[in-house]
Amino acid sequence: MPNISERIVADLAPKLDSRGKPRPSTLHYFSGATLQGKKAPAGFAVRVTAAGTKAFVLFHRKGGKGYLETLGRWDANAQGGSLTVRDAIVKADKLVKDLARGNREDPRPERTRRMEDGDNPEGLKIGGAFDPDADPSDREQKHPGLLDMFVDRYCRKEAKLKSADQYASTFRRLVAPDIGDLPVFGEGRLRRSHIVDMLDAIEDESGPVMADRTLAYLRKAFNWFQAREEDFTNPIVKGIRQVGTNSRDRILSDEELRDLWAGLSTVEDVPDCYPRFVKSLLLTTTRRTEAALMHSSEIDGADWTIPADRYKTGIDHLIPMSEAARALLGEKPAGAKGNSWFIFTTTDGAKGFSGFSKAKRELDKTIAKIRSEAGREPMPHWVLHDLRRTGRSLMSRAGVPADHAERCLGHVIGGVRGVYDRYAYLDEKRAAFEKLADLLALILSPQPNATELRGAKP
């Protein structure tokens, strides 16, 4: 069985032809090779160009026909890339499983489909090349999505908008992580509820002005595409922000929390960091982007300080983490350099976690299966931000004073009291987060006839 590692890939070279010159492309296969507990599937290989650039590929067959699919470039190339060796193995394994399960009915790689079928709307996605995890040098290889076409064809060429870069940045940062991978047509296509949930998340994390601006950009893009494609109907209707703004009051019940934890323990096809990331949202009562961008430089012992420049209030927010929350931080990524890395990452600490929507759908499928096998109704719709609200509710249930709980969430105390009361409440916040963790532990492993928590409300 072949070995594989970052060093082995670094040492790969193109084969020479009969004249002693490097061949344009050389494939080095590593089927069955294992790295950090991940086994490369059959057909996994590294392609090396004559110039020494390396990319990961997968050879697979369907209906007797073979396809060589590019997974992405190696991130240690001189010109950069998007995948470590382990990331490439994980991506290849997922692709093999998707093909085996029929999750991708057309086995042809994206580039092959584009070359053979042309710019066919079948398979078109909302985000396309606005994949937030994609390396910029690889984006031109991806099949463009609806938003890509709008920016390139309308904003830059037809209207020549000065704000074209602002449109592109908004789509990449705020839209792609949520709905970028949703299809425009067919099963699982973009729906109004997806947009409402996304706008709620943007408002929670970036404020109502940014949510309204994103909605305006999307409405313009969808109207433009609707004029070009007769089968497309703009899902954004009048009054959609009235549906989404300040309307959510959802908290998860004890049964739903147990199902969530069970789902996080068994869900497949999600990044390794994802279960820890979701659990941290409840145990630290933070917003998803705040947790996703948690960095080692922000951790001091048991305390996590979210800096003002990425916190909604514009003020540093200190979270004294409970023991249960600290256990979710994990170890230093194998490929991280020095003492600086993102805690929840799919890139060995180089970037924080994104791709919220794709992983959430896999989690929802797992929870639905758990409840179906138990003969229970499907879990009502929920979003990640509901965990922050659930954590606040559990604090009240555990007997945490309202003032202390509000400070745990980073809410600013208004009025004269807010101006003059500069006490940090660190001990009170630490006790509150410990009570939250203790109550959650009791909920996840209920004991008959046991009192919930000393001092907790009945």
Protein backbone atom coordinates (compact mmCIF):
# COMPACT_ATOMS: atom_id res chain seq x y z
CA MET A 1 0.00 0.00 0.00
CA PRO A 2 1.53 3.38 -1.00
CA ASN A 3 2.33 6.03 1.58
CA ILE A 4 1.27 9.63 1.25
CA SER A 5 2.11 12.83 3.11
CA GLU A 6 2.75 16.49 2.45
CA ARG A 7 6.44 15.74 2.00
CA ILE A 8 5.82 12.86 -0.41
CA VAL A 9 3.59 15.10 -2.56
CA ALA A 10 6.23 17.85 -2.43
CA ASP A 11 8.82 15.42 -3.84
CA LEU A 12 6.68 14.27 -6.78
CA ALA A 13 8.01 15.21 -10.20
CA PRO A 14 6.74 14.86 -13.79
CA LYS A 15 7.93 11.87 -15.81
CA LEU A 16 10.31 12.44 -18.70
CA ASP A 17 9.61 11.58 -22.31
CA SER A 18 12.02 9.82 -24.68
CA ARG A 19 13.85 13.09 -25.27
CA GLY A 20 14.39 13.67 -21.56
CA LYS A 21 11.86 16.49 -21.33
CA PRO A 22 9.08 16.62 -18.69
CA ARG A 23 5.73 15.31 -19.88
CA PRO A 24 2.86 17.86 -19.91
CA SER A 25 1.03 15.86 -17.25
CA THR A 26 1.95 12.92 -14.99
CA LEU A 27 -0.41 10.99 -12.72
CA HIS A 28 0.86 9.48 -9.45
CA TYR A 29 -1.78 7.17 -7.94
CA PHE A 30 -2.20 6.73 -4.17
CA SER A 31 -5.20 4.39 -3.97
CA GLY A 32 -5.57 3.05 -0.43
CA ALA A 33 -2.96 5.38 1.10
CA THR A 34 -3.83 6.56 4.62
CA LEU A 35 -3.13 9.91 6.24
CA GLN A 36 -4.27 10.89 9.74
CA GLY A 37 -6.97 8.23 9.78
CA LYS A 38 -8.36 9.07 6.32
CA LYS A 39 -8.01 6.45 3.57
CA ALA A 40 -7.71 7.52 -0.06
CA PRO A 41 -10.30 5.80 -2.30
CA ALA A 42 -9.42 3.86 -5.41
CA GLY A 43 -8.50 6.18 -8.25
CA PHE A 44 -7.08 8.94 -6.05
CA ALA A 45 -4.03 10.52 -7.65
CA VAL A 46 -1.80 13.58 -7.81
CA ARG A 47 -1.35 15.18 -11.23
CA VAL A 48 1.97 16.95 -11.81
CA THR A 49 2.42 19.33 -14.74
CA ALA A 50 5.67 19.91 -16.61
CA ALA A 51 6.15 23.07 -14.55
CA GLY A 52 5.77 21.09 -11.30
CA THR A 53 2.30 22.33 -10.34
CA LYS A 54 0.37 19.66 -8.43
CA ALA A 55 -3.37 19.01 -8.30
CA PHE A 56 -5.46 16.22 -6.78
CA VAL A 57 -7.65 14.15 -9.09
CA LEU A 58 -9.96 11.15 -8.87
CA PHE A 59 -10.48 8.57 -11.59
CA HIS A 60 -13.95 6.95 -11.45
CA ARG A 61 -16.22 4.98 -13.75
CA LYS A 62 -19.93 5.03 -14.47
CA GLY A 63 -21.65 2.81 -17.01
CA GLY A 64 -18.30 1.48 -18.20
CA LYS A 65 -16.98 4.96 -19.01
CA GLY A 66 -14.08 6.47 -17.11
CA TYR A 67 -13.80 10.05 -15.88
CA LEU A 68 -10.83 11.92 -14.44
CA GLU A 69 -12.13 14.60 -12.10
CA THR A 70 -10.03 17.43 -10.70
CA LEU A 71 -10.53 17.93 -6.95
CA GLY A 72 -8.38 21.03 -6.58
CA ARG A 73 -4.82 22.27 -6.47
CA TRP A 74 -2.36 21.48 -3.69
CA ASP A 75 -2.15 24.45 -1.33
CA ALA A 76 1.67 24.29 -1.13
CA ASN A 77 2.17 25.02 -4.84
CA ALA A 78 4.35 28.03 -5.56
CA GLN A 79 1.28 29.76 -7.01
CA GLY A 80 -0.97 28.46 -4.24
CA GLY A 81 -3.98 26.17 -4.14
CA SER A 82 -6.99 25.23 -2.03
CA LEU A 83 -6.36 21.70 -0.65
CA THR A 84 -4.00 20.01 1.78
CA VAL A 85 -3.33 16.31 1.17
CA ARG A 86 -5.79 15.30 3.88
CA ASP A 87 -8.46 17.72 2.61
CA ALA A 88 -8.09 16.17 -0.86
CA ILE A 89 -8.54 12.64 0.50
CA VAL A 90 -11.68 13.71 2.41
CA LYS A 91 -13.07 15.41 -0.70
CA ALA A 92 -12.33 12.36 -2.87
CA ASP A 93 -13.98 10.03 -0.37
CA LYS A 94 -17.10 12.19 -0.29
CA LEU A 95 -17.25 12.25 -4.09
CA VAL A 96 -17.02 8.46 -4.25
CA LYS A 97 -19.85 8.13 -1.70
CA ASP A 98 -22.02 10.67 -3.55
CA LEU A 99 -21.58 8.76 -6.81
CA ALA A 100 -22.31 5.42 -5.13
CA ARG A 101 -25.47 6.74 -3.44
CA GLY A 102 -26.74 8.42 -6.56
CA ASN A 103 -26.50 11.89 -5.02
CA ARG A 104 -24.96 13.02 -8.28
CA GLU A 105 -26.88 11.44 -11.12
CA ASP A 106 -24.60 12.80 -13.84
CA PRO A 107 -21.15 11.30 -13.17
CA ARG A 108 -19.33 13.70 -15.49
CA PRO A 109 -17.02 16.25 -13.88
CA GLU A 110 -18.26 19.85 -13.92
CA ARG A 111 -15.78 20.93 -16.62
CA THR A 112 -16.76 17.98 -18.85
CA ARG A 113 -20.45 18.76 -18.52
CA ARG A 114 -19.82 22.40 -19.41
CA MET A 115 -17.76 21.49 -22.48
CA GLU A 116 -20.22 18.87 -23.73
CA ASP A 117 -23.53 20.55 -22.90
CA GLY A 118 -22.72 24.23 -23.11
CA ASP A 119 -24.18 26.78 -20.69
CA ASN A 120 -27.13 24.59 -19.77
CA PRO A 121 -29.31 25.87 -16.89
CA GLU A 122 -29.67 22.31 -15.59
CA GLY A 123 -27.28 22.00 -12.68
CA LEU A 124 -26.92 25.77 -12.34
CA LYS A 125 -26.33 26.88 -8.75
CA ILE A 126 -26.89 30.18 -7.01
CA GLY A 127 -23.28 30.80 -6.05
CA GLY A 128 -21.17 28.96 -8.59
CA ALA A 129 -17.63 30.29 -8.40
CA PHE A 130 -18.50 32.35 -5.30
CA ASP A 131 -17.53 29.31 -3.20
CA PRO A 132 -16.03 30.94 -0.07
CA ASP A 133 -13.63 27.99 0.39
CA ALA A 134 -12.35 28.10 -3.19
CA ASP A 135 -8.90 29.40 -3.91
CA PRO A 136 -9.17 32.52 -6.12
CA SER A 137 -6.83 30.96 -8.70
CA ASP A 138 -9.22 28.03 -9.09
CA ARG A 139 -12.47 29.98 -9.44
CA GLU A 140 -12.20 30.36 -13.18
CA GLN A 141 -12.31 26.56 -13.45
CA LYS A 142 -15.66 26.33 -11.67
CA HIS A 143 -18.96 26.40 -13.52
CA PRO A 144 -20.32 29.94 -13.05
CA GLY A 145 -23.51 30.30 -11.04
CA LEU A 146 -26.39 32.76 -11.30
CA LEU A 147 -24.63 35.37 -9.18
CA ASP A 148 -21.37 35.01 -11.13
CA MET A 149 -23.20 35.64 -14.39
CA PHE A 150 -25.00 38.66 -12.93
CA VAL A 151 -21.76 40.28 -11.73
CA ASP A 152 -19.75 39.49 -14.86
CA ARG A 153 -22.38 40.09 -17.54
CA TYR A 154 -24.54 42.79 -16.00
CA CYS A 155 -22.57 44.65 -13.32
CA ARG A 156 -19.24 44.72 -15.19
CA LYS A 157 -20.20 44.60 -18.89
CA GLU A 158 -23.79 45.74 -19.49
CA ALA A 159 -24.33 48.37 -16.78
CA LYS A 160 -20.62 48.92 -15.98
CA LEU A 161 -21.49 49.61 -12.36
CA LYS A 162 -18.87 51.22 -10.15
CA SER A 163 -20.27 49.07 -7.35
CA ALA A 164 -19.57 45.78 -9.16
CA ASP A 165 -16.84 44.81 -6.68
CA GLN A 166 -19.20 45.58 -3.80
CA TYR A 167 -21.82 43.26 -5.29
CA ALA A 168 -19.22 40.53 -5.70
CA SER A 169 -17.89 40.96 -2.15
CA THR A 170 -21.37 40.84 -0.61
CA PHE A 171 -22.28 37.68 -2.53
CA ARG A 172 -19.02 35.99 -1.57
CA ARG A 173 -19.06 36.90 2.15
CA LEU A 174 -22.73 36.84 3.06
CA VAL A 175 -24.65 34.87 0.44
CA ALA A 176 -22.38 32.04 -0.70
CA PRO A 177 -21.92 30.42 2.77
CA ASP A 178 -25.71 30.07 3.13
CA ILE A 179 -27.34 29.55 -0.26
CA GLY A 180 -24.46 29.49 -2.73
CA ASP A 181 -24.57 25.74 -3.30
CA LEU A 182 -28.36 25.54 -3.78
CA PRO A 183 -29.56 24.70 -7.31
CA VAL A 184 -31.56 27.27 -9.26
CA PHE A 185 -33.82 24.62 -10.78
CA GLY A 186 -35.06 21.17 -9.81
CA GLU A 187 -35.09 19.29 -6.53
CA GLY A 188 -33.70 21.16 -3.54
CA ARG A 189 -33.81 24.48 -5.38
CA LEU A 190 -33.66 27.86 -3.69
CA ARG A 191 -36.84 28.74 -1.80
CA ARG A 192 -38.11 31.83 -0.04
CA SER A 193 -37.51 30.25 3.37
CA HIS A 194 -33.80 29.90 2.56
CA ILE A 195 -33.59 33.62 1.85
CA VAL A 196 -35.51 34.55 5.01
CA ASP A 197 -33.19 32.42 7.18
CA MET A 198 -30.13 33.92 5.50
CA LEU A 199 -31.36 37.49 6.03
CA ASP A 200 -32.09 36.74 9.69
CA ALA A 201 -28.52 35.49 10.11
CA ILE A 202 -27.06 38.53 8.35
CA GLU A 203 -29.12 40.88 10.54
CA ASP A 204 -28.03 39.05 13.70
CA GLU A 205 -24.36 39.19 12.73
CA SER A 206 -23.98 42.34 10.62
CA GLY A 207 -27.04 44.45 11.38
CA PRO A 208 -30.27 45.37 9.55
CA VAL A 209 -28.61 47.79 7.10
CA MET A 210 -26.41 45.04 5.68
CA ALA A 211 -29.36 42.62 5.57
CA ASP A 212 -31.41 45.15 3.58
CA ARG A 213 -28.51 45.86 1.24
CA THR A 214 -27.96 42.15 0.59
CA LEU A 215 -31.66 41.72 -0.12
CA ALA A 216 -31.58 44.61 -2.61
CA TYR A 217 -28.56 43.10 -4.40
CA LEU A 218 -30.21 39.69 -4.60
CA ARG A 219 -33.53 41.10 -5.82
CA LYS A 220 -31.70 42.91 -8.63
CA ALA A 221 -29.77 39.77 -9.58
CA PHE A 222 -32.87 37.56 -9.59
CA ASN A 223 -34.89 40.10 -11.58
CA TRP A 224 -32.09 40.25 -14.16
CA PHE A 225 -31.98 36.46 -14.46
CA GLN A 226 -35.78 36.16 -14.62
CA ALA A 227 -35.78 38.43 -17.68
CA ARG A 228 -33.31 36.06 -19.36
CA GLU A 229 -34.71 32.67 -18.26
CA GLU A 230 -38.44 32.06 -18.72
CA ASP A 231 -38.53 29.07 -16.35
CA PHE A 232 -37.14 31.04 -13.40
CA THR A 233 -39.37 32.88 -10.93
CA ASN A 234 -37.84 35.36 -8.53
CA PRO A 235 -38.43 33.95 -5.01
CA ILE A 236 -38.10 37.41 -3.44
CA VAL A 237 -41.55 38.94 -3.00
CA LYS A 238 -42.72 42.25 -1.58
CA GLY A 239 -42.62 42.30 2.21
CA ILE A 240 -40.07 39.51 2.59
CA ARG A 241 -38.06 41.50 5.17
CA GLN A 242 -41.18 41.93 7.29
CA VAL A 243 -41.30 38.14 7.46
CA GLY A 244 -37.70 37.78 8.50
CA THR A 245 -37.00 40.82 10.66
CA ASN A 246 -37.21 40.32 14.44
CA SER A 247 -39.72 37.52 14.05
CA ARG A 248 -37.85 34.49 15.32
CA ASP A 249 -38.46 33.31 18.87
CA ARG A 250 -37.59 29.64 18.34
CA ILE A 251 -35.78 27.76 21.08
CA LEU A 252 -35.00 24.06 21.03
CA SER A 253 -36.80 21.78 23.49
CA ASP A 254 -34.97 19.22 25.64
CA GLU A 255 -35.94 16.44 23.24
CA GLU A 256 -34.70 18.47 20.26
CA LEU A 257 -31.39 19.14 22.02
CA ARG A 258 -30.92 15.41 22.59
CA ASP A 259 -31.71 14.75 18.93
CA LEU A 260 -29.28 17.47 17.90
CA TRP A 261 -26.45 16.00 19.96
CA ALA A 262 -27.23 12.51 18.62
CA GLY A 263 -27.22 13.88 15.09
CA LEU A 264 -23.88 15.61 15.61
CA SER A 265 -22.42 12.30 16.81
CA THR A 266 -23.47 10.37 13.71
CA VAL A 267 -23.69 12.88 10.83
CA GLU A 268 -21.55 12.10 7.80
CA ASP A 269 -20.28 14.20 4.90
CA VAL A 270 -19.51 17.22 7.09
CA PRO A 271 -16.11 18.64 8.10
CA ASP A 272 -14.57 17.09 11.21
CA CYS A 273 -14.81 20.41 13.06
CA TYR A 274 -18.52 20.90 12.40
CA PRO A 275 -19.99 19.01 15.42
CA ARG A 276 -17.68 20.89 17.80
CA PHE A 277 -18.55 24.17 16.10
CA VAL A 278 -22.32 23.69 16.47
CA LYS A 279 -22.05 22.65 20.12
CA SER A 280 -19.93 25.71 20.86
CA LEU A 281 -22.71 28.01 19.62
CA LEU A 282 -24.93 26.86 22.47
CA LEU A 283 -22.28 26.63 25.19
CA THR A 284 -20.88 30.12 24.45
CA THR A 285 -24.17 31.70 23.25
CA THR A 286 -22.36 33.26 20.30
CA ARG A 287 -23.36 34.02 16.72
CA ARG A 288 -22.19 31.58 14.08
CA THR A 289 -19.61 33.86 12.41
CA GLU A 290 -18.15 34.83 15.78
CA ALA A 291 -17.56 31.16 16.59
CA ALA A 292 -16.50 30.21 13.06
CA LEU A 293 -13.69 32.80 13.17
CA MET A 294 -12.52 31.94 16.68
CA HIS A 295 -8.71 32.24 16.62
CA SER A 296 -6.01 30.89 18.89
CA SER A 297 -4.80 34.45 19.55
CA GLU A 298 -8.17 35.25 21.17
CA ILE A 299 -7.87 32.46 23.77
CA ASP A 300 -6.21 33.16 27.11
CA GLY A 301 -6.55 30.16 29.39
CA ALA A 302 -10.28 29.69 29.98
CA ASP A 303 -11.19 33.08 28.55
CA TRP A 304 -12.11 33.88 24.95
CA THR A 305 -12.18 37.56 23.94
CA ILE A 306 -13.96 38.39 20.69
CA PRO A 307 -12.29 41.59 19.48
CA ALA A 308 -14.36 44.71 18.90
CA ASP A 309 -13.65 44.79 15.15
CA ARG A 310 -15.62 41.60 14.60
CA TYR A 311 -18.25 41.89 17.32
CA LYS A 312 -21.66 43.36 16.60
CA THR A 313 -21.58 45.98 19.37
CA GLY A 314 -18.12 47.24 18.41
CA ILE A 315 -16.88 46.43 21.94
CA ASP A 316 -14.56 43.61 23.03
CA HIS A 317 -16.65 40.74 24.40
CA LEU A 318 -15.04 38.39 26.94
CA ILE A 319 -16.50 34.91 27.37
CA PRO A 320 -15.29 32.90 30.39
CA MET A 321 -15.67 29.45 28.84
CA SER A 322 -17.00 26.53 30.83
CA GLU A 323 -15.01 23.30 30.97
CA ALA A 324 -17.45 21.78 28.47
CA ALA A 325 -16.87 24.66 26.04
CA ARG A 326 -13.09 24.45 26.37
CA ALA A 327 -13.24 20.75 25.52
CA LEU A 328 -14.61 21.69 22.09
CA LEU A 329 -11.54 23.71 21.09
CA GLY A 330 -9.67 20.63 19.92
CA GLU A 331 -5.96 20.27 19.31
CA LYS A 332 -3.64 22.43 17.25
CA PRO A 333 -4.09 21.48 13.56
CA ALA A 334 -1.25 19.32 12.25
CA GLY A 335 -0.41 21.78 9.49
CA ALA A 336 -0.70 24.97 11.54
CA LYS A 337 2.42 27.10 11.71
CA GLY A 338 3.59 28.76 14.92
CA ASN A 339 0.98 29.63 17.53
CA SER A 340 -1.62 31.10 15.20
CA TRP A 341 -4.58 29.18 13.82
CA PHE A 342 -8.35 29.23 13.51
CA ILE A 343 -10.02 26.87 16.00
CA PHE A 344 -12.79 25.56 13.71
CA THR A 345 -11.14 24.98 10.36
CA THR A 346 -11.03 22.76 7.31
CA THR A 347 -7.71 24.16 6.11
CA ASP A 348 -5.29 23.19 8.90
CA GLY A 349 -5.96 26.46 10.71
CA ALA A 350 -5.40 28.77 7.74
CA LYS A 351 -9.06 29.85 7.48
CA GLY A 352 -12.09 29.74 9.73
CA PHE A 353 -15.04 27.44 9.01
CA SER A 354 -17.60 28.40 6.35
CA GLY A 355 -20.07 26.46 4.23
CA PHE A 356 -22.74 26.64 6.94
CA SER A 357 -25.68 25.77 4.71
CA LYS A 358 -24.28 22.59 3.16
CA ALA A 359 -23.27 21.07 6.51
CA LYS A 360 -26.57 22.13 8.13
CA ARG A 361 -28.57 20.27 5.47
CA GLU A 362 -26.59 17.08 6.16
CA LEU A 363 -27.24 17.50 9.88
CA ASP A 364 -30.96 18.03 9.28
CA LYS A 365 -31.10 14.81 7.23
CA THR A 366 -29.42 12.89 10.04
CA ILE A 367 -31.80 14.27 12.69
CA ALA A 368 -34.79 13.49 10.46
CA LYS A 369 -33.59 9.89 10.16
CA ILE A 370 -33.16 9.57 13.94
CA ARG A 371 -36.69 10.82 14.59
CA SER A 372 -38.19 8.72 11.79
CA GLU A 373 -36.61 5.52 13.13
CA ALA A 374 -38.05 6.35 16.56
CA GLY A 375 -41.52 6.86 15.06
CA ARG A 376 -41.57 10.58 15.83
CA GLU A 377 -42.58 13.58 13.76
CA PRO A 378 -39.89 15.53 11.89
CA MET A 379 -38.09 18.23 13.85
CA PRO A 380 -39.62 21.67 13.19
CA HIS A 381 -37.49 24.06 11.15
CA TRP A 382 -34.60 25.60 13.07
CA VAL A 383 -31.48 27.66 12.31
CA LEU A 384 -28.09 27.87 14.02
CA HIS A 385 -28.88 31.25 15.58
CA ASP A 386 -31.71 29.57 17.53
CA LEU A 387 -28.99 27.95 19.68
CA ARG A 388 -27.97 31.38 21.01
CA ARG A 389 -31.55 32.05 22.01
CA THR A 390 -31.83 28.54 23.49
CA GLY A 391 -28.70 29.10 25.58
CA ARG A 392 -30.16 32.33 26.97
CA SER A 393 -33.38 30.53 27.88
CA LEU A 394 -31.48 27.71 29.59
CA MET A 395 -29.57 30.25 31.69
CA SER A 396 -32.85 31.62 33.03
CA ARG A 397 -34.03 28.08 33.68
CA ALA A 398 -30.80 27.40 35.59
CA GLY A 399 -31.42 30.36 37.86
CA VAL A 400 -28.96 32.81 36.29
CA PRO A 401 -30.01 36.42 37.03
CA ALA A 402 -31.25 38.23 33.92
CA ASP A 403 -28.53 40.91 34.09
CA HIS A 404 -25.79 38.31 34.18
CA ALA A 405 -27.32 36.32 31.32
CA GLU A 406 -27.64 39.43 29.16
CA ARG A 407 -23.99 40.24 29.70
CA CYS A 408 -23.06 36.68 28.75
CA LEU A 409 -24.68 37.37 25.36
CA GLY A 410 -22.80 40.64 25.02
CA HIS A 411 -25.93 42.76 25.14
CA VAL A 412 -25.30 46.39 26.05
CA ILE A 413 -27.09 47.63 29.16
CA GLY A 414 -28.71 50.94 28.24
CA GLY A 415 -29.64 54.08 30.12
CA VAL A 416 -27.86 55.79 33.01
CA ARG A 417 -26.97 52.44 34.53
CA GLY A 418 -25.21 51.35 31.37
CA VAL A 419 -23.14 54.54 31.39
CA TYR A 420 -21.99 54.37 35.00
CA ASP A 421 -21.85 50.63 35.72
CA ARG A 422 -18.43 49.58 34.39
CA TYR A 423 -18.06 46.45 36.52
CA ALA A 424 -16.96 43.55 34.26
CA TYR A 425 -19.09 40.81 35.92
CA LEU A 426 -16.46 38.21 35.02
CA ASP A 427 -17.12 35.94 38.02
CA GLU A 428 -20.87 36.16 37.47
CA LYS A 429 -20.50 35.38 33.76
CA ARG A 430 -18.21 32.44 34.53
CA ALA A 431 -20.77 31.02 36.95
CA ALA A 432 -23.55 31.54 34.40
CA PHE A 433 -21.73 29.63 31.66
CA GLU A 434 -20.96 26.79 34.08
CA LYS A 435 -24.64 26.60 35.05
CA LEU A 436 -25.58 26.49 31.38
CA ALA A 437 -23.15 23.61 30.78
CA ASP A 438 -24.37 21.73 33.85
CA LEU A 439 -28.01 22.05 32.87
CA LEU A 440 -27.26 20.95 29.32
CA ALA A 441 -25.45 17.88 30.65
CA LEU A 442 -28.56 16.97 32.70
CA ILE A 443 -30.79 17.45 29.66
CA LEU A 444 -28.60 15.24 27.49
CA SER A 445 -28.41 12.52 30.15
CA PRO A 446 -31.60 12.90 32.22
CA GLN A 447 -31.69 11.24 35.62
CA PRO A 448 -35.07 10.10 36.99
CA ASN A 449 -36.35 12.04 39.97
CA ALA A 450 -33.25 14.26 39.98
CA THR A 451 -33.40 17.97 40.77
CA GLU A 452 -32.19 19.91 37.73
CA LEU A 453 -29.80 22.37 39.34
CA ARG A 454 -29.42 23.88 42.74
CA GLY A 455 -31.00 27.29 42.51
CA ALA A 456 -32.66 26.53 39.19
CA LYS A 457 -36.21 27.48 38.53
CA PRO A 458 -38.69 24.58 38.78
